[in-house]
C-alpha atoms as a PDB file:
ATOM      1  CA  MET A   1      27.881 -88.776  50.165  1.00  0.00           C
ATOM      2  CA  SER A   2      28.068 -85.167  51.312  1.00  0.00           C
ATOM      3  CA  ARG A   3      27.967 -82.262  48.891  1.00  0.00           C
ATOM      4  CA  GLN A   4      31.256 -80.762  47.801  1.00  0.00           C
ATOM      5  CA  VAL A   5      31.112 -76.968  47.732  1.00  0.00           C
ATOM      6  CA  PHE A   6      33.964 -75.071  46.098  1.00  0.00           C
ATOM      7  CA  LEU A   7      33.672 -71.736  47.933  1.00  0.00           C
ATOM      8  CA  TYR A   8      35.544 -68.605  46.877  1.00  0.00           C
ATOM      9  CA  ASP A   9      34.807 -65.693  49.198  1.00  0.00           C
ATOM     10  CA  PRO A  10      36.366 -63.620  47.735  1.00  0.00           C
ATOM     11  CA  PRO A  11      38.169 -65.087  44.722  1.00  0.00           C
ATOM     12  CA  GLU A  12      41.458 -63.647  43.545  1.00  0.00           C
ATOM     13  CA  ARG A  13      40.208 -64.405  40.046  1.00  0.00           C
ATOM     14  CA  PHE A  14      36.869 -65.510  38.545  1.00  0.00           C
ATOM     15  CA  VAL A  15      36.657 -65.730  34.754  1.00  0.00           C
ATOM     16  CA  ALA A  16      34.981 -67.445  31.839  1.00  0.00           C
ATOM     17  CA  GLY A  17      37.313 -68.889  29.240  1.00  0.00           C
ATOM     18  CA  THR A  18      37.703 -71.540  26.588  1.00  0.00           C
ATOM     19  CA  VAL A  19      39.955 -74.364  25.545  1.00  0.00           C
ATOM     20  CA  GLY A  20      40.164 -75.314  21.873  1.00  0.00           C
ATOM     21  CA  LEU A  21      39.657 -73.734  18.483  1.00  0.00           C
ATOM     22  CA  PRO A  22      36.547 -71.772  17.462  1.00  0.00           C
ATOM     23  CA  GLY A  23      33.824 -74.211  16.526  1.00  0.00           C
ATOM     24  CA  ARG A  24      35.265 -76.838  18.852  1.00  0.00           C
ATOM     25  CA  ARG A  25      35.723 -74.812  22.021  1.00  0.00           C
ATOM     26  CA  THR A  26      34.915 -76.046  25.516  1.00  0.00           C
ATOM     27  CA  PHE A  27      33.731 -73.283  27.836  1.00  0.00           C
ATOM     28  CA  PHE A  28      34.779 -73.057  31.479  1.00  0.00           C
ATOM     29  CA  LEU A  29      34.184 -70.975  34.579  1.00  0.00           C
ATOM     30  CA  GLN A  30      37.364 -70.777  36.613  1.00  0.00           C
ATOM     31  CA  ALA A  31      37.784 -69.465  40.148  1.00  0.00           C
ATOM     32  CA  SER A  32      41.068 -69.196  42.016  1.00  0.00           C
ATOM     33  CA  ALA A  33      42.340 -68.036  45.397  1.00  0.00           C
ATOM     34  CA  ALA A  34      45.210 -68.911  47.740  1.00  0.00           C
ATOM     35  CA  GLY A  35      46.767 -71.411  45.339  1.00  0.00           C
ATOM     36  CA  ARG A  36      43.469 -73.242  44.667  1.00  0.00           C
ATOM     37  CA  VAL A  37      41.940 -73.367  41.193  1.00  0.00           C
ATOM     38  CA  THR A  38      38.500 -74.762  40.343  1.00  0.00           C
ATOM     39  CA  SER A  39      37.345 -75.156  36.736  1.00  0.00           C
ATOM     40  CA  VAL A  40      33.833 -76.225  35.745  1.00  0.00           C
ATOM     41  CA  ALA A  41      32.654 -76.866  32.179  1.00  0.00           C
ATOM     42  CA  LEU A  42      29.472 -75.430  30.715  1.00  0.00           C
ATOM     43  CA  GLU A  43      27.806 -74.604  27.423  1.00  0.00           C
ATOM     44  CA  LYS A  44      28.389 -71.415  25.445  1.00  0.00           C
ATOM     45  CA  THR A  45      24.739 -70.440  25.894  1.00  0.00           C
ATOM     46  CA  GLN A  46      25.086 -70.826  29.662  1.00  0.00           C
ATOM     47  CA  VAL A  47      28.077 -68.460  29.693  1.00  0.00           C
ATOM     48  CA  ALA A  48      26.152 -65.897  27.629  1.00  0.00           C
ATOM     49  CA  ALA A  49      23.045 -66.182  29.820  1.00  0.00           C
ATOM     50  CA  LEU A  50      25.094 -65.878  33.026  1.00  0.00           C
ATOM     51  CA  ALA A  51      26.866 -62.735  31.788  1.00  0.00           C
ATOM     52  CA  GLU A  52      23.612 -61.116  30.660  1.00  0.00           C
ATOM     53  CA  ARG A  53      21.823 -61.933  33.932  1.00  0.00           C
ATOM     54  CA  ILE A  54      24.723 -60.621  36.017  1.00  0.00           C
ATOM     55  CA  ASP A  55      24.555 -57.286  34.172  1.00  0.00           C
ATOM     56  CA  GLU A  56      20.755 -57.181  34.558  1.00  0.00           C
ATOM     57  CA  LEU A  57      20.929 -57.965  38.290  1.00  0.00           C
ATOM     58  CA  LEU A  58      23.620 -55.325  38.860  1.00  0.00           C
ATOM     59  CA  ASP A  59      21.563 -52.755  36.946  1.00  0.00           C
ATOM     60  CA  GLU A  60      18.567 -53.600  39.142  1.00  0.00           C
ATOM     61  CA  VAL A  61      20.663 -53.241  42.312  1.00  0.00           C
ATOM     62  CA  VAL A  62      21.799 -49.790  41.154  1.00  0.00           C
ATOM     63  CA  ARG A  63      18.218 -48.806  40.324  1.00  0.00           C
ATOM     64  CA  ARG A  64      16.774 -50.006  43.647  1.00  0.00           C
ATOM     65  CA  THR A  65      19.475 -48.345  45.733  1.00  0.00           C
ATOM     66  CA  GLY A  66      19.258 -45.081  43.843  1.00  0.00           C
ATOM     67  CA  GLY A  67      22.887 -45.436  42.784  1.00  0.00           C
ATOM     68  CA  ASN A  68      24.147 -45.892  46.365  1.00  0.00           C
ATOM     69  CA  ALA A  69      25.355 -49.501  45.909  1.00  0.00           C
ATOM     70  CA  PRO A  70      29.072 -50.004  45.185  1.00  0.00           C
ATOM     71  CA  VAL A  71      28.324 -51.177  41.649  1.00  0.00           C
ATOM     72  CA  PRO A  72      29.969 -49.483  38.654  1.00  0.00           C
ATOM     73  CA  ALA A  73      27.867 -48.775  35.566  1.00  0.00           C
ATOM     74  CA  VAL A  74      30.491 -50.460  33.371  1.00  0.00           C
ATOM     75  CA  ALA A  75      33.396 -52.807  34.036  1.00  0.00           C
ATOM     76  CA  PRO A  76      36.296 -50.811  35.507  1.00  0.00           C
ATOM     77  CA  ALA A  77      39.532 -51.058  33.516  1.00  0.00           C
ATOM     78  CA  ASP A  78      41.611 -51.729  36.655  1.00  0.00           C
ATOM     79  CA  VAL A  79      39.842 -55.063  37.321  1.00  0.00           C
ATOM     80  CA  SER A  80      39.802 -56.168  33.678  1.00  0.00           C
ATOM     81  CA  ASP A  81      41.247 -59.664  33.180  1.00  0.00           C
ATOM     82  CA  THR A  82      42.221 -60.768  29.675  1.00  0.00           C
ATOM     83  CA  ALA A  83      44.708 -63.477  30.661  1.00  0.00           C
ATOM     84  CA  PRO A  84      44.049 -67.069  29.573  1.00  0.00           C
ATOM     85  CA  LEU A  85      42.674 -69.682  31.948  1.00  0.00           C
ATOM     86  CA  ASP A  86      45.134 -70.955  34.558  1.00  0.00           C
ATOM     87  CA  ASN A  87      46.715 -74.279  33.575  1.00  0.00           C
ATOM     88  CA  PRO A  88      46.126 -77.095  33.957  1.00  0.00           C
ATOM     89  CA  VAL A  89      42.385 -76.775  33.227  1.00  0.00           C
ATOM     90  CA  GLU A  90      40.899 -79.792  34.985  1.00  0.00           C
ATOM     91  CA  GLU A  91      37.122 -80.063  34.873  1.00  0.00           C
ATOM     92  CA  GLU A  92      35.605 -80.637  38.335  1.00  0.00           C
ATOM     93  CA  PHE A  93      32.120 -81.119  36.890  1.00  0.00           C
ATOM     94  CA  ARG A  94      29.776 -80.037  34.084  1.00  0.00           C
ATOM     95  CA  VAL A  95      27.345 -77.287  35.119  1.00  0.00           C
ATOM     96  CA  GLY A  96      23.628 -78.017  35.044  1.00  0.00           C
ATOM     97  CA  THR A  97      21.955 -75.355  37.187  1.00  0.00           C
ATOM     98  CA  MET A  98      23.141 -71.810  37.899  1.00  0.00           C
ATOM     99  CA  ALA A  99      21.843 -69.247  40.362  1.00  0.00           C
ATOM    100  CA  LEU A 100      22.511 -65.570  41.090  1.00  0.00           C
ATOM    101  CA  ALA A 101      21.755 -63.484  44.137  1.00  0.00           C
ATOM    102  CA  TRP A 102      22.699 -60.117  45.603  1.00  0.00           C
ATOM    103  CA  ASP A 103      23.683 -60.000  49.272  1.00  0.00           C
ATOM    104  CA  GLY A 104      22.567 -56.493  50.269  1.00  0.00           C
ATOM    105  CA  GLU A 105      24.246 -56.648  53.674  1.00  0.00           C
ATOM    106  CA  GLU A 106      27.676 -57.582  52.365  1.00  0.00           C
ATOM    107  CA  GLN A 107      27.179 -55.784  48.999  1.00  0.00           C
ATOM    108  CA  ARG A 108      28.244 -58.902  47.109  1.00  0.00           C
ATOM    109  CA  MET A 109      27.013 -60.846  44.071  1.00  0.00           C
ATOM    110  CA  ILE A 110      26.682 -64.575  44.725  1.00  0.00           C
ATOM    111  CA  VAL A 111      27.160 -66.874  41.725  1.00  0.00           C
ATOM    112  CA  GLU A 112      26.383 -70.570  42.117  1.00  0.00           C
ATOM    113  CA  ALA A 113      27.013 -73.266  39.513  1.00  0.00           C
ATOM    114  CA  GLN A 114      25.721 -76.723  40.400  1.00  0.00           C
ATOM    115  CA  ALA A 115      26.724 -79.977  38.706  1.00  0.00           C
ATOM    116  CA  LEU A 116      24.474 -81.492  36.076  1.00  0.00           C
ATOM    117  CA  VAL A 117      22.379 -84.309  37.528  1.00  0.00           C
ATOM    118  CA  GLU A 118      20.280 -86.852  35.657  1.00  0.00           C
ATOM    119  CA  LEU A 119      16.917 -87.429  37.371  1.00  0.00           C
ATOM    120  CA  ASP A 120      14.713 -90.451  36.733  1.00  0.00           C
ATOM    121  CA  ALA A 121      11.001 -89.722  36.961  1.00  0.00           C
ATOM    122  CA  ASP A 122       7.857 -91.321  35.584  1.00  0.00           C
ATOM    123  CA  SER A 123       5.860 -88.117  35.251  1.00  0.00           C
ATOM    124  CA  GLU A 124       6.343 -84.354  35.115  1.00  0.00           C
ATOM    125  CA  GLU A 125       5.080 -84.084  38.706  1.00  0.00           C
ATOM    126  CA  ASP A 126       7.651 -86.647  39.900  1.00  0.00           C
ATOM    127  CA  LEU A 127      10.370 -84.784  38.004  1.00  0.00           C
ATOM    128  CA  ALA A 128       9.380 -81.431  39.547  1.00  0.00           C
ATOM    129  CA  GLU A 129       9.342 -83.009  43.007  1.00  0.00           C
ATOM    130  CA  ALA A 130      12.767 -84.621  42.477  1.00  0.00           C
ATOM    131  CA  GLU A 131      14.215 -81.305  41.249  1.00  0.00           C
ATOM    132  CA  GLU A 132      12.838 -79.480  44.300  1.00  0.00           C
ATOM    133  CA  ARG A 133      14.290 -82.078  46.694  1.00  0.00           C
ATOM    134  CA  LEU A 134      17.649 -81.804  44.936  1.00  0.00           C
ATOM    135  CA  LEU A 135      17.720 -78.005  45.206  1.00  0.00           C
ATOM    136  CA  GLN A 136      16.742 -78.056  48.887  1.00  0.00           C
ATOM    137  CA  ASP A 137      19.296 -80.722  49.901  1.00  0.00           C
ATOM    138  CA  GLU A 138      22.238 -78.632  51.110  1.00  0.00           C
ATOM    139  CA  GLU A 139      23.962 -81.619  52.688  1.00  0.00           C
ATOM    140  CA  ASN A 140      23.795 -84.361  50.042  1.00  0.00           C
ATOM    141  CA  GLY A 141      23.302 -82.492  46.771  1.00  0.00           C
ATOM    142  CA  PRO A 142      25.584 -82.459  43.741  1.00  0.00           C
ATOM    143  CA  PRO A 143      28.901 -80.562  43.727  1.00  0.00           C
ATOM    144  CA  MET A 144      28.646 -76.776  43.574  1.00  0.00           C
ATOM    145  CA  LEU A 145      30.904 -73.815  42.811  1.00  0.00           C
ATOM    146  CA  ARG A 146      29.925 -70.758  44.894  1.00  0.00           C
ATOM    147  CA  VAL A 147      31.662 -67.426  44.304  1.00  0.00           C
ATOM    148  CA  ARG A 148      31.056 -64.101  46.072  1.00  0.00           C
ATOM    149  CA  LEU A 149      32.033 -61.055  44.001  1.00  0.00           C
ATOM    150  CA  THR A 150      32.128 -57.302  44.479  1.00  0.00           C
ATOM    151  CA  GLY A 151      30.067 -55.263  42.037  1.00  0.00           C
ATOM    152  CA  ALA A 152      33.234 -54.319  40.112  1.00  0.00           C
ATOM    153  CA  GLN A 153      34.373 -57.968  39.902  1.00  0.00           C
ATOM    154  CA  ALA A 154      30.926 -59.028  38.691  1.00  0.00           C
ATOM    155  CA  ARG A 155      30.869 -56.346  35.957  1.00  0.00           C
ATOM    156  CA  ALA A 156      34.369 -57.355  34.837  1.00  0.00           C
ATOM    157  CA  PHE A 157      33.341 -61.035  34.765  1.00  0.00           C
ATOM    158  CA  ALA A 158      30.251 -60.275  32.671  1.00  0.00           C
ATOM    159  CA  LYS A 159      32.217 -58.174  30.166  1.00  0.00           C
ATOM    160  CA  ARG A 160      34.906 -60.808  29.700  1.00  0.00           C
ATOM    161  CA  ALA A 161      32.329 -63.614  29.452  1.00  0.00           C
ATOM    162  CA  LEU A 162      30.480 -61.819  26.651  1.00  0.00           C
ATOM    163  CA  ASP A 163      33.783 -61.100  24.890  1.00  0.00           C
ATOM    164  CA  VAL A 164      34.709 -64.811  25.096  1.00  0.00           C
ATOM    165  CA  VAL A 165      31.323 -65.877  23.710  1.00  0.00           C
ATOM    166  CA  ASN A 166      31.574 -63.376  20.839  1.00  0.00           C
ATOM    167  CA  ALA A 167      35.157 -64.369  19.971  1.00  0.00           C
ATOM    168  CA  GLY A 168      34.015 -67.507  18.162  1.00  0.00           C
ATOM    169  CA  ARG A 169      33.430 -68.073  14.475  1.00  0.00           C
ATOM    170  CA  PRO A 170      32.043 -65.114  12.532  1.00  0.00           C
ATOM    171  CA  PRO A 171      28.422 -65.416  11.376  1.00  0.00           C
ATOM    172  CA  CYS A 172      27.446 -65.853   7.746  1.00  0.00           C
ATOM    173  CA  PRO A 173      26.088 -62.507   6.488  1.00  0.00           C
ATOM    174  CA  LEU A 174      23.160 -64.282   4.809  1.00  0.00           C
ATOM    175  CA  CYS A 175      21.946 -66.904   7.284  1.00  0.00           C
ATOM    176  CA  SER A 176      23.748 -65.954  10.549  1.00  0.00           C
ATOM    177  CA  LEU A 177      25.036 -69.514  11.032  1.00  0.00           C
ATOM    178  CA  PRO A 178      28.703 -69.731  12.047  1.00  0.00           C
ATOM    179  CA  LEU A 179      31.271 -69.807   9.251  1.00  0.00           C
ATOM    180  CA  ASP A 180      33.883 -72.532   9.507  1.00  0.00           C
ATOM    181  CA  PRO A 181      37.372 -71.886   8.085  1.00  0.00           C
ATOM    182  CA  GLU A 182      36.444 -74.291   5.274  1.00  0.00           C
ATOM    183  CA  GLY A 183      33.214 -72.350   4.630  1.00  0.00           C
ATOM    184  CA  HIS A 184      29.696 -73.695   5.179  1.00  0.00           C
ATOM    185  CA  VAL A 185      26.624 -74.834   3.322  1.00  0.00           C
ATOM    186  CA  CYS A 186      24.379 -71.788   3.471  1.00  0.00           C
ATOM    187  CA  PRO A 187      20.640 -72.550   3.507  1.00  0.00           C
ATOM    188  CA  ARG A 188      19.941 -69.103   2.009  1.00  0.00           C
ATOM    189  CA  GLN A 189      22.148 -70.000  -0.965  1.00  0.00           C
ATOM    190  CA  ASN A 190      20.139 -73.187  -1.569  1.00  0.00           C
ATOM    191  CA  GLY A 191      22.983 -75.378  -0.357  1.00  0.00           C
ATOM    192  CA  TYR A 192      25.863 -73.832  -2.299  1.00  0.00           C
ATOM    193  CA  ARG A 193      29.102 -73.751  -0.319  1.00  0.00           C
ATOM    194  CA  ARG A 194      30.097 -70.285   0.849  1.00  0.00           C
ATOM    195  CA  SER A 195      33.779 -69.604   1.612  1.00  0.00           C
ATOM    196  CA  ALA A 196      34.884 -67.873   4.803  1.00  0.00           C
END
């Protein structure tokens, strides 16, 4: 079976968002263009890591080009996107592996999110070899979302993604674990229930 690549070059919209209530949210990346919408599910930590790495890569591009790359230092207000995810949110796949790159010729950030794949291997060497084969197989690999963004779009994506991650449940001031609306059993309070 050939690999399905959901390519957006350029997207009209590329955002991170959630479905559900804090504490029970499902995180998505969503790309759209020309009437097409692709939504892929991922973990909260993956969204946070992607946003942080995008900012780091853009900062490095600015540093290496001496400020000549078309990359803003912060997300421009005119490309800010605070709208909810486009409905219906239909998961194409769950993300396993993500990759980032900067195309210096086109001055674009490339974001790739590849579907989660379970690999069977008897040893760590077999597992490493299977992973390498999977990554190199452009024709028969797992589904992939590939998005090419301008520097301004990438900054705006990273800002929104971090805002979405931080919009969850507030942390307990004592133990930093998330507070549920019903409160939580705080380990620093020796198991006594703490109200929100």
